[in-house]
Protein backbone atom coordinates (compact mmCIF):
# COMPACT_ATOMS: atom_id res chain seq x y z
CA UNK A 1 -14.39 -0.79 21.57
CA UNK A 2 -17.78 -2.44 22.32
CA UNK A 3 -20.26 -0.71 20.30
CA UNK A 4 -20.30 -1.48 16.45
CA UNK A 5 -20.64 2.33 15.55
CA UNK A 6 -17.66 3.18 17.81
CA UNK A 7 -15.46 0.43 16.20
CA UNK A 8 -16.43 1.53 12.67
CA UNK A 9 -15.70 5.16 13.52
CA UNK A 10 -12.25 4.06 15.14
CA UNK A 11 -11.48 1.97 11.95
CA UNK A 12 -12.32 4.61 9.47
CA UNK A 13 -10.35 7.18 11.48
CA UNK A 14 -7.27 4.89 11.53
CA UNK A 15 -7.73 4.35 7.81
CA UNK A 16 -7.67 7.94 7.18
CA UNK A 17 -4.61 8.56 9.46
CA UNK A 18 -2.73 5.62 7.76
CA UNK A 19 -3.63 7.07 4.30
CA UNK A 20 -1.82 10.29 5.22
CA UNK A 21 1.07 8.77 6.68
CA UNK A 22 1.41 6.35 3.41
CA UNK A 23 1.11 9.36 0.97
CA UNK A 24 3.58 11.31 3.11
CA UNK A 25 6.28 8.49 2.47
CA UNK A 26 6.81 9.35 -1.15
CA UNK A 27 5.83 7.61 -4.42
CA UNK A 28 7.16 4.74 -6.06
CA UNK A 29 9.33 5.20 -9.13
CA UNK A 30 8.06 2.52 -11.31
CA UNK A 31 5.65 -0.45 -11.54
CA UNK A 32 5.62 -3.05 -14.31
CA UNK A 33 3.93 -6.16 -14.93
CA UNK A 34 5.75 -8.97 -16.82
CA UNK A 35 3.96 -11.98 -18.15
CA UNK A 36 6.03 -15.04 -17.25
CA UNK A 37 3.73 -17.80 -16.13
CA UNK A 38 0.10 -18.68 -15.56
CA UNK A 39 -1.98 -20.02 -12.72
CA UNK A 40 -5.73 -20.49 -12.57
CA UNK A 41 -7.56 -17.78 -10.58
CA UNK A 42 -11.29 -17.54 -9.98
CA UNK A 43 -13.04 -14.79 -12.02
CA UNK A 44 -15.15 -14.04 -8.94
CA UNK A 45 -12.11 -12.85 -6.84
CA UNK A 46 -10.12 -11.54 -9.83
CA UNK A 47 -12.88 -9.03 -10.84
CA UNK A 48 -14.42 -8.71 -7.29
CA UNK A 49 -17.87 -10.01 -8.38
CA UNK A 50 -18.08 -7.36 -11.07
CA UNK A 51 -18.96 -10.06 -13.67
CA UNK A 52 -20.20 -13.61 -13.74
CA UNK A 53 -18.77 -15.87 -16.23
CA UNK A 54 -20.60 -19.32 -15.67
CA UNK A 55 -18.80 -20.92 -18.72
CA UNK A 56 -15.32 -19.68 -17.47
CA UNK A 57 -15.05 -19.54 -13.78
CA UNK A 58 -11.20 -19.28 -13.88
CA UNK A 59 -8.86 -16.86 -15.58
CA UNK A 60 -5.09 -17.30 -15.87
CA UNK A 61 -3.08 -14.94 -13.53
CA UNK A 62 0.00 -14.61 -15.53
CA UNK A 63 2.10 -11.68 -14.13
CA UNK A 64 5.19 -10.97 -12.19
CA UNK A 65 5.16 -7.58 -10.57
CA UNK A 66 8.22 -5.39 -10.39
CA UNK A 67 8.15 -2.24 -8.17
CA UNK A 68 10.90 0.20 -7.93
CA UNK A 69 10.88 2.71 -4.86
CA UNK A 70 12.84 4.58 -2.36
CA UNK A 71 13.10 3.03 0.99
CA UNK A 72 12.80 5.20 4.28
CA UNK A 73 16.46 6.08 4.02
CA UNK A 74 16.01 7.45 0.51
CA UNK A 75 17.84 4.36 -1.11
CA UNK A 76 16.56 2.94 -4.36
CA UNK A 77 15.07 -0.58 -3.93
CA UNK A 78 13.37 -3.09 -6.21
CA UNK A 79 10.61 -5.39 -5.06
CA UNK A 80 9.58 -8.41 -7.21
CA UNK A 81 6.41 -10.42 -6.61
CA UNK A 82 5.56 -13.43 -8.42
CA UNK A 83 2.17 -14.98 -7.35
CA UNK A 84 2.18 -17.82 -9.93
CA UNK A 85 4.52 -20.31 -8.59
CA UNK A 86 2.84 -23.43 -9.76
CA UNK A 87 4.49 -26.03 -7.24
CA UNK A 88 3.98 -23.58 -4.31
CA UNK A 89 0.33 -22.66 -5.15
CA UNK A 90 -0.46 -26.38 -5.60
CA UNK A 91 0.05 -26.66 -1.84
CA UNK A 92 -2.63 -24.08 -0.90
CA UNK A 93 -6.06 -25.84 -0.24
CA UNK A 94 -7.80 -24.04 -3.15
CA UNK A 95 -5.18 -24.84 -5.67
CA UNK A 96 -4.68 -28.38 -4.24
CA UNK A 97 -8.43 -29.04 -4.79
CA UNK A 98 -8.36 -27.26 -8.28
CA UNK A 99 -5.44 -29.41 -9.30
CA UNK A 100 -7.52 -32.58 -8.52
CA UNK A 101 -10.16 -31.26 -10.57
CA UNK A 102 -7.98 -30.33 -13.45
CA UNK A 103 -6.24 -33.53 -13.44
CA UNK A 104 -9.51 -35.12 -14.66
CA UNK A 105 -9.57 -32.74 -17.80
CA UNK A 106 -7.44 -33.41 -20.91
CA UNK A 107 -4.42 -31.23 -20.61
CA UNK A 108 -4.73 -31.13 -16.82
CA UNK A 109 -2.50 -29.32 -14.61
CA UNK A 110 -0.37 -27.36 -15.26
CA UNK A 111 -0.53 -27.76 -18.90
CA UNK A 112 -3.80 -26.00 -19.22
CA UNK A 113 -2.25 -22.77 -17.81
CA UNK A 114 1.33 -22.76 -18.97
């Protein structure tokens, strides 16, 4: 769609339709956060610019998420999401640059977060 107004209306309409489809697919059985490791994460992104902490620009992200749900065929499933794999995170540009910075700090990476 060319006009911005038309595109915005189309996106909003698609979002409303998706919301109804998503809600009709059932509910999750359980969600649990399990603290197992830590990785630095910018406060700006973690709290969506809700606060500014100039003296502490990073917070530790420490959780593994476990979700139990029924799949489309009604079978129970378990999904485990672990975003804090330190070695894997270090390959991302943000974490690569952060690691270089933290290596200059006593305690460095990953000792400052584990």
